[in-house]
Amino acid sequence: MALYAEAGVGRSPMYVVAEGIEGESRCPGGTVLTGWLMPDDFGRLVLRSALLFRADCDGKLVRTARPLAAIQVGERRFWVLRDFGYEDERAIIAEFRPRAVDYVLVVDGGSC
């Protein structure tokens, strides 16, 4: 499991990647959950924009991201992400709203 958060920000959104093993199979990443843990108005963490991938051992269907930077503009908060698929990658700018994560810019980075 990987959990990414902004350093020094108490109520930072957190990007989570959790991998599981299915049944008797020992293939890592048989099931992968990605999403955003975000604090609600009461301080509880709520899972937003969750995606669940069930894939065979090669992981062709799985997409995960790595946060690269966080930007604060006034009251608005953005993260710059590098998103990976099996055969491609993308650059994403995500904006955090009270009850949602919006991908305001997605740029394809190429594929095989």
N, C-alpha and C. Protein backbone atom coordinates (compact mmCIF):
# COMPACT_ATOMS: atom_id res chain seq x y z
N MET A 1 0.85 -1.17 0.00
CA MET A 1 0.00 0.00 0.00
C MET A 1 0.90 1.24 0.00
N ALA A 2 0.49 2.22 -0.78
CA ALA A 2 1.20 3.50 -0.83
C ALA A 2 0.20 4.60 -0.50
N LEU A 3 0.64 5.57 0.28
CA LEU A 3 -0.19 6.69 0.67
C LEU A 3 0.64 7.96 0.52
N TYR A 4 0.15 8.89 -0.30
CA TYR A 4 0.87 10.13 -0.58
C TYR A 4 0.08 11.30 -0.02
N ALA A 5 0.77 12.21 0.70
CA ALA A 5 0.14 13.40 1.26
C ALA A 5 1.12 14.56 1.17
N GLU A 6 0.59 15.76 1.27
CA GLU A 6 1.42 16.97 1.28
C GLU A 6 2.13 17.08 2.62
N ALA A 7 3.43 17.28 2.58
CA ALA A 7 4.20 17.45 3.82
C ALA A 7 3.82 18.77 4.49
N GLY A 8 3.62 18.72 5.80
CA GLY A 8 3.35 19.92 6.56
C GLY A 8 1.95 20.48 6.45
N VAL A 9 1.03 19.75 5.80
CA VAL A 9 -0.35 20.21 5.65
C VAL A 9 -1.24 19.23 6.40
N GLY A 10 -1.83 19.68 7.50
CA GLY A 10 -2.61 18.80 8.37
C GLY A 10 -3.84 18.19 7.74
N ARG A 11 -4.52 18.92 6.90
CA ARG A 11 -5.75 18.40 6.27
C ARG A 11 -5.52 18.15 4.78
N SER A 12 -4.35 17.64 4.46
CA SER A 12 -4.00 17.36 3.07
C SER A 12 -4.83 16.22 2.51
N PRO A 13 -5.25 16.32 1.25
CA PRO A 13 -5.79 15.14 0.58
C PRO A 13 -4.67 14.10 0.51
N MET A 14 -5.05 12.82 0.43
CA MET A 14 -4.07 11.75 0.33
C MET A 14 -4.44 10.83 -0.83
N TYR A 15 -3.46 10.54 -1.69
CA TYR A 15 -3.66 9.61 -2.79
C TYR A 15 -3.25 8.23 -2.29
N VAL A 16 -4.11 7.25 -2.48
CA VAL A 16 -3.85 5.91 -1.97
C VAL A 16 -3.82 4.90 -3.13
N VAL A 17 -2.87 3.97 -3.05
CA VAL A 17 -2.79 2.83 -3.96
C VAL A 17 -2.68 1.59 -3.08
N ALA A 18 -3.68 0.73 -3.13
CA ALA A 18 -3.68 -0.49 -2.32
C ALA A 18 -3.78 -1.70 -3.25
N GLU A 19 -2.85 -2.64 -3.09
CA GLU A 19 -2.83 -3.84 -3.92
C GLU A 19 -3.19 -5.05 -3.09
N GLY A 20 -3.93 -5.98 -3.71
CA GLY A 20 -4.33 -7.20 -3.02
C GLY A 20 -4.04 -8.42 -3.87
N ILE A 21 -4.11 -9.58 -3.23
CA ILE A 21 -3.89 -10.86 -3.91
C ILE A 21 -5.22 -11.60 -3.92
N GLU A 22 -5.59 -12.11 -5.08
CA GLU A 22 -6.86 -12.79 -5.25
C GLU A 22 -6.72 -14.30 -5.02
N GLY A 23 -7.53 -14.85 -4.15
CA GLY A 23 -7.62 -16.29 -3.96
C GLY A 23 -6.28 -16.98 -3.79
N GLU A 24 -6.07 -18.05 -4.56
CA GLU A 24 -4.84 -18.83 -4.49
C GLU A 24 -3.71 -18.21 -5.29
N SER A 25 -4.02 -17.26 -6.14
CA SER A 25 -3.01 -16.64 -6.99
C SER A 25 -2.01 -15.86 -6.15
N ARG A 26 -0.78 -15.86 -6.54
CA ARG A 26 0.25 -15.08 -5.86
C ARG A 26 0.74 -13.96 -6.77
N CYS A 27 -0.12 -13.47 -7.63
CA CYS A 27 0.23 -12.38 -8.53
C CYS A 27 0.04 -11.06 -7.80
N PRO A 28 1.11 -10.30 -7.61
CA PRO A 28 0.92 -8.99 -6.98
C PRO A 28 0.08 -8.10 -7.89
N GLY A 29 -0.77 -7.33 -7.29
CA GLY A 29 -1.59 -6.43 -8.08
C GLY A 29 -2.78 -7.10 -8.72
N GLY A 30 -3.18 -8.28 -8.24
CA GLY A 30 -4.37 -8.95 -8.76
C GLY A 30 -5.58 -8.03 -8.66
N THR A 31 -5.67 -7.29 -7.57
CA THR A 31 -6.69 -6.26 -7.38
C THR A 31 -5.98 -5.01 -6.88
N VAL A 32 -6.27 -3.89 -7.52
CA VAL A 32 -5.66 -2.62 -7.13
C VAL A 32 -6.76 -1.59 -6.94
N LEU A 33 -6.73 -0.91 -5.79
CA LEU A 33 -7.65 0.17 -5.50
C LEU A 33 -6.86 1.47 -5.49
N THR A 34 -7.34 2.46 -6.23
CA THR A 34 -6.74 3.80 -6.18
C THR A 34 -7.85 4.79 -5.82
N GLY A 35 -7.48 5.88 -5.21
CA GLY A 35 -8.46 6.90 -4.87
C GLY A 35 -7.86 7.96 -3.99
N TRP A 36 -8.71 8.84 -3.53
CA TRP A 36 -8.30 9.99 -2.72
C TRP A 36 -8.99 9.93 -1.38
N LEU A 37 -8.20 9.96 -0.30
CA LEU A 37 -8.75 10.12 1.04
C LEU A 37 -8.74 11.61 1.34
N MET A 38 -9.94 12.15 1.60
CA MET A 38 -10.07 13.59 1.82
C MET A 38 -10.84 13.84 3.10
N PRO A 39 -10.40 14.81 3.90
CA PRO A 39 -11.13 15.11 5.12
C PRO A 39 -12.47 15.79 4.80
N ASP A 40 -13.52 15.36 5.52
CA ASP A 40 -14.82 16.02 5.35
C ASP A 40 -14.95 17.15 6.36
N ASP A 41 -16.13 17.73 6.46
CA ASP A 41 -16.36 18.88 7.35
C ASP A 41 -16.18 18.52 8.83
N PHE A 42 -16.23 17.23 9.16
CA PHE A 42 -16.11 16.78 10.55
C PHE A 42 -14.73 16.20 10.85
N GLY A 43 -13.80 16.28 9.86
CA GLY A 43 -12.46 15.78 10.07
C GLY A 43 -12.28 14.30 9.77
N ARG A 44 -13.36 13.61 9.37
CA ARG A 44 -13.26 12.20 9.00
C ARG A 44 -12.69 12.08 7.60
N LEU A 45 -11.99 10.99 7.33
CA LEU A 45 -11.47 10.75 5.97
C LEU A 45 -12.52 10.03 5.14
N VAL A 46 -12.76 10.54 3.95
CA VAL A 46 -13.75 9.99 3.03
C VAL A 46 -13.01 9.62 1.75
N LEU A 47 -13.33 8.44 1.19
CA LEU A 47 -12.71 7.99 -0.06
C LEU A 47 -13.47 8.59 -1.24
N ARG A 48 -12.76 9.33 -2.09
CA ARG A 48 -13.35 9.98 -3.26
C ARG A 48 -12.66 9.48 -4.54
N SER A 49 -13.39 9.49 -5.64
CA SER A 49 -12.86 9.12 -6.96
C SER A 49 -12.15 7.78 -6.93
N ALA A 50 -12.72 6.83 -6.24
CA ALA A 50 -12.10 5.51 -6.12
C ALA A 50 -12.26 4.70 -7.41
N LEU A 51 -11.21 3.99 -7.77
CA LEU A 51 -11.24 3.06 -8.90
C LEU A 51 -10.70 1.71 -8.42
N LEU A 52 -11.39 0.64 -8.80
CA LEU A 52 -10.96 -0.71 -8.44
C LEU A 52 -10.63 -1.46 -9.72
N PHE A 53 -9.40 -1.94 -9.83
CA PHE A 53 -8.94 -2.66 -11.01
C PHE A 53 -8.75 -4.13 -10.65
N ARG A 54 -9.37 -5.02 -11.44
CA ARG A 54 -9.10 -6.46 -11.32
C ARG A 54 -8.35 -6.85 -12.57
N ALA A 55 -7.16 -7.34 -12.38
CA ALA A 55 -6.31 -7.63 -13.53
C ALA A 55 -5.63 -8.98 -13.34
N ASP A 56 -5.18 -9.55 -14.46
CA ASP A 56 -4.37 -10.76 -14.36
C ASP A 56 -2.95 -10.35 -13.97
N CYS A 57 -2.03 -11.28 -13.98
CA CYS A 57 -0.69 -11.03 -13.44
C CYS A 57 0.09 -9.95 -14.18
N ASP A 58 -0.23 -9.67 -15.44
CA ASP A 58 0.55 -8.65 -16.16
C ASP A 58 0.11 -7.23 -15.82
N GLY A 59 -1.02 -7.06 -15.18
CA GLY A 59 -1.46 -5.73 -14.74
C GLY A 59 -1.82 -4.78 -15.86
N LYS A 60 -2.22 -5.30 -17.02
CA LYS A 60 -2.50 -4.43 -18.17
C LYS A 60 -3.64 -3.45 -17.94
N LEU A 61 -4.57 -3.77 -17.08
CA LEU A 61 -5.74 -2.90 -16.89
C LEU A 61 -5.54 -1.86 -15.79
N VAL A 62 -4.45 -1.94 -15.07
CA VAL A 62 -4.25 -1.10 -13.89
C VAL A 62 -3.68 0.28 -14.26
N ARG A 63 -4.19 1.32 -13.60
CA ARG A 63 -3.64 2.69 -13.72
C ARG A 63 -3.35 3.20 -12.32
N THR A 64 -2.15 3.70 -12.11
CA THR A 64 -1.79 4.32 -10.85
C THR A 64 -1.09 5.65 -11.14
N ALA A 65 -0.89 6.44 -10.12
CA ALA A 65 -0.27 7.75 -10.31
C ALA A 65 0.78 7.98 -9.22
N ARG A 66 1.68 8.90 -9.52
CA ARG A 66 2.67 9.36 -8.54
C ARG A 66 2.57 10.88 -8.45
N PRO A 67 2.27 11.41 -7.29
CA PRO A 67 2.25 12.86 -7.13
C PRO A 67 3.65 13.45 -7.28
N LEU A 68 3.75 14.56 -7.99
CA LEU A 68 5.03 15.23 -8.21
C LEU A 68 5.13 16.56 -7.47
N ALA A 69 4.01 17.28 -7.34
CA ALA A 69 4.04 18.60 -6.71
C ALA A 69 2.65 18.98 -6.24
N ALA A 70 2.60 19.87 -5.25
CA ALA A 70 1.35 20.44 -4.77
C ALA A 70 1.45 21.95 -4.92
N ILE A 71 0.34 22.55 -5.36
CA ILE A 71 0.32 24.00 -5.60
C ILE A 71 -0.91 24.58 -4.91
N GLN A 72 -0.72 25.63 -4.15
CA GLN A 72 -1.81 26.35 -3.51
C GLN A 72 -1.96 27.70 -4.20
N VAL A 73 -3.15 28.00 -4.73
CA VAL A 73 -3.44 29.29 -5.37
C VAL A 73 -4.64 29.87 -4.66
N GLY A 74 -4.39 30.83 -3.77
CA GLY A 74 -5.48 31.36 -2.95
C GLY A 74 -6.05 30.24 -2.10
N GLU A 75 -7.35 30.01 -2.21
CA GLU A 75 -8.02 28.93 -1.49
C GLU A 75 -8.03 27.62 -2.27
N ARG A 76 -7.54 27.64 -3.49
CA ARG A 76 -7.59 26.45 -4.36
C ARG A 76 -6.31 25.64 -4.21
N ARG A 77 -6.46 24.31 -4.21
CA ARG A 77 -5.32 23.40 -4.07
C ARG A 77 -5.27 22.46 -5.28
N PHE A 78 -4.08 22.35 -5.86
CA PHE A 78 -3.86 21.49 -7.03
C PHE A 78 -2.71 20.54 -6.74
N TRP A 79 -2.75 19.37 -7.35
CA TRP A 79 -1.62 18.44 -7.35
C TRP A 79 -1.26 18.14 -8.79
N VAL A 80 0.03 18.02 -9.06
CA VAL A 80 0.53 17.58 -10.35
C VAL A 80 0.89 16.11 -10.20
N LEU A 81 0.36 15.28 -11.09
CA LEU A 81 0.54 13.83 -11.00
C LEU A 81 1.12 13.28 -12.30
N ARG A 82 1.86 12.20 -12.18
CA ARG A 82 2.27 11.41 -13.33
C ARG A 82 1.50 10.10 -13.24
N ASP A 83 0.64 9.86 -14.21
CA ASP A 83 -0.28 8.72 -14.22
C ASP A 83 0.27 7.65 -15.15
N PHE A 84 0.28 6.40 -14.68
CA PHE A 84 0.87 5.30 -15.46
C PHE A 84 -0.17 4.23 -15.77
N GLY A 85 -0.18 3.79 -17.02
CA GLY A 85 -0.89 2.60 -17.42
C GLY A 85 0.13 1.58 -17.90
N TYR A 86 -0.32 0.45 -18.38
CA TYR A 86 0.59 -0.60 -18.85
C TYR A 86 1.40 -0.13 -20.06
N GLU A 87 0.74 0.58 -20.98
CA GLU A 87 1.39 0.96 -22.23
C GLU A 87 1.45 2.47 -22.46
N ASP A 88 1.08 3.27 -21.47
CA ASP A 88 1.09 4.71 -21.68
C ASP A 88 1.27 5.44 -20.35
N GLU A 89 1.45 6.74 -20.44
CA GLU A 89 1.50 7.59 -19.26
C GLU A 89 0.88 8.93 -19.58
N ARG A 90 0.48 9.64 -18.52
CA ARG A 90 -0.15 10.95 -18.68
C ARG A 90 0.33 11.88 -17.57
N ALA A 91 0.30 13.16 -17.84
CA ALA A 91 0.50 14.19 -16.82
C ALA A 91 -0.88 14.74 -16.49
N ILE A 92 -1.15 14.89 -15.20
CA ILE A 92 -2.48 15.32 -14.75
C ILE A 92 -2.33 16.44 -13.73
N ILE A 93 -3.20 17.44 -13.82
CA ILE A 93 -3.34 18.41 -12.76
C ILE A 93 -4.72 18.18 -12.14
N ALA A 94 -4.71 17.85 -10.85
CA ALA A 94 -5.94 17.58 -10.11
C ALA A 94 -6.25 18.75 -9.20
N GLU A 95 -7.52 19.16 -9.18
CA GLU A 95 -7.97 20.20 -8.25
C GLU A 95 -8.89 19.57 -7.23
N PHE A 96 -8.68 19.93 -5.97
CA PHE A 96 -9.48 19.38 -4.88
C PHE A 96 -10.58 20.34 -4.50
N ARG A 97 -11.81 19.84 -4.56
CA ARG A 97 -12.99 20.60 -4.15
C ARG A 97 -13.51 19.94 -2.88
N PRO A 98 -14.43 20.56 -2.17
CA PRO A 98 -14.88 19.98 -0.90
C PRO A 98 -15.36 18.52 -0.99
N ARG A 99 -16.03 18.17 -2.08
CA ARG A 99 -16.58 16.81 -2.17
C ARG A 99 -16.16 16.07 -3.44
N ALA A 100 -15.12 16.54 -4.09
CA ALA A 100 -14.72 15.90 -5.35
C ALA A 100 -13.27 16.22 -5.70
N VAL A 101 -12.74 15.42 -6.59
CA VAL A 101 -11.44 15.67 -7.19
C VAL A 101 -11.69 15.83 -8.68
N ASP A 102 -11.29 16.98 -9.24
CA ASP A 102 -11.47 17.23 -10.67
C ASP A 102 -10.11 17.20 -11.35
N TYR A 103 -10.03 16.45 -12.44
CA TYR A 103 -8.81 16.45 -13.25
C TYR A 103 -8.97 17.57 -14.28
N VAL A 104 -8.40 18.74 -13.96
CA VAL A 104 -8.62 19.93 -14.78
C VAL A 104 -7.75 19.95 -16.02
N LEU A 105 -6.67 19.18 -16.04
CA LEU A 105 -5.82 19.09 -17.23
C LEU A 105 -5.21 17.69 -17.29
N VAL A 106 -5.35 17.04 -18.45
CA VAL A 106 -4.77 15.73 -18.68
C VAL A 106 -4.03 15.79 -20.01
N VAL A 107 -2.73 15.49 -19.97
CA VAL A 107 -1.90 15.55 -21.18
C VAL A 107 -1.29 14.17 -21.40
N ASP A 108 -1.58 13.58 -22.55
CA ASP A 108 -1.00 12.28 -22.88
C ASP A 108 0.49 12.41 -23.05
N GLY A 109 1.23 11.46 -22.46
CA GLY A 109 2.69 11.51 -22.52
C GLY A 109 3.28 10.52 -23.48
N GLY A 110 2.45 9.79 -24.19
CA GLY A 110 2.97 8.83 -25.16
C GLY A 110 2.60 7.41 -24.77
N SER A 111 2.84 6.50 -25.69
CA SER A 111 2.56 5.08 -25.46
C SER A 111 3.52 4.24 -26.26
N CYS A 112 3.44 2.95 -26.01
CA CYS A 112 4.33 2.01 -26.71
C CYS A 112 3.96 1.87 -28.16
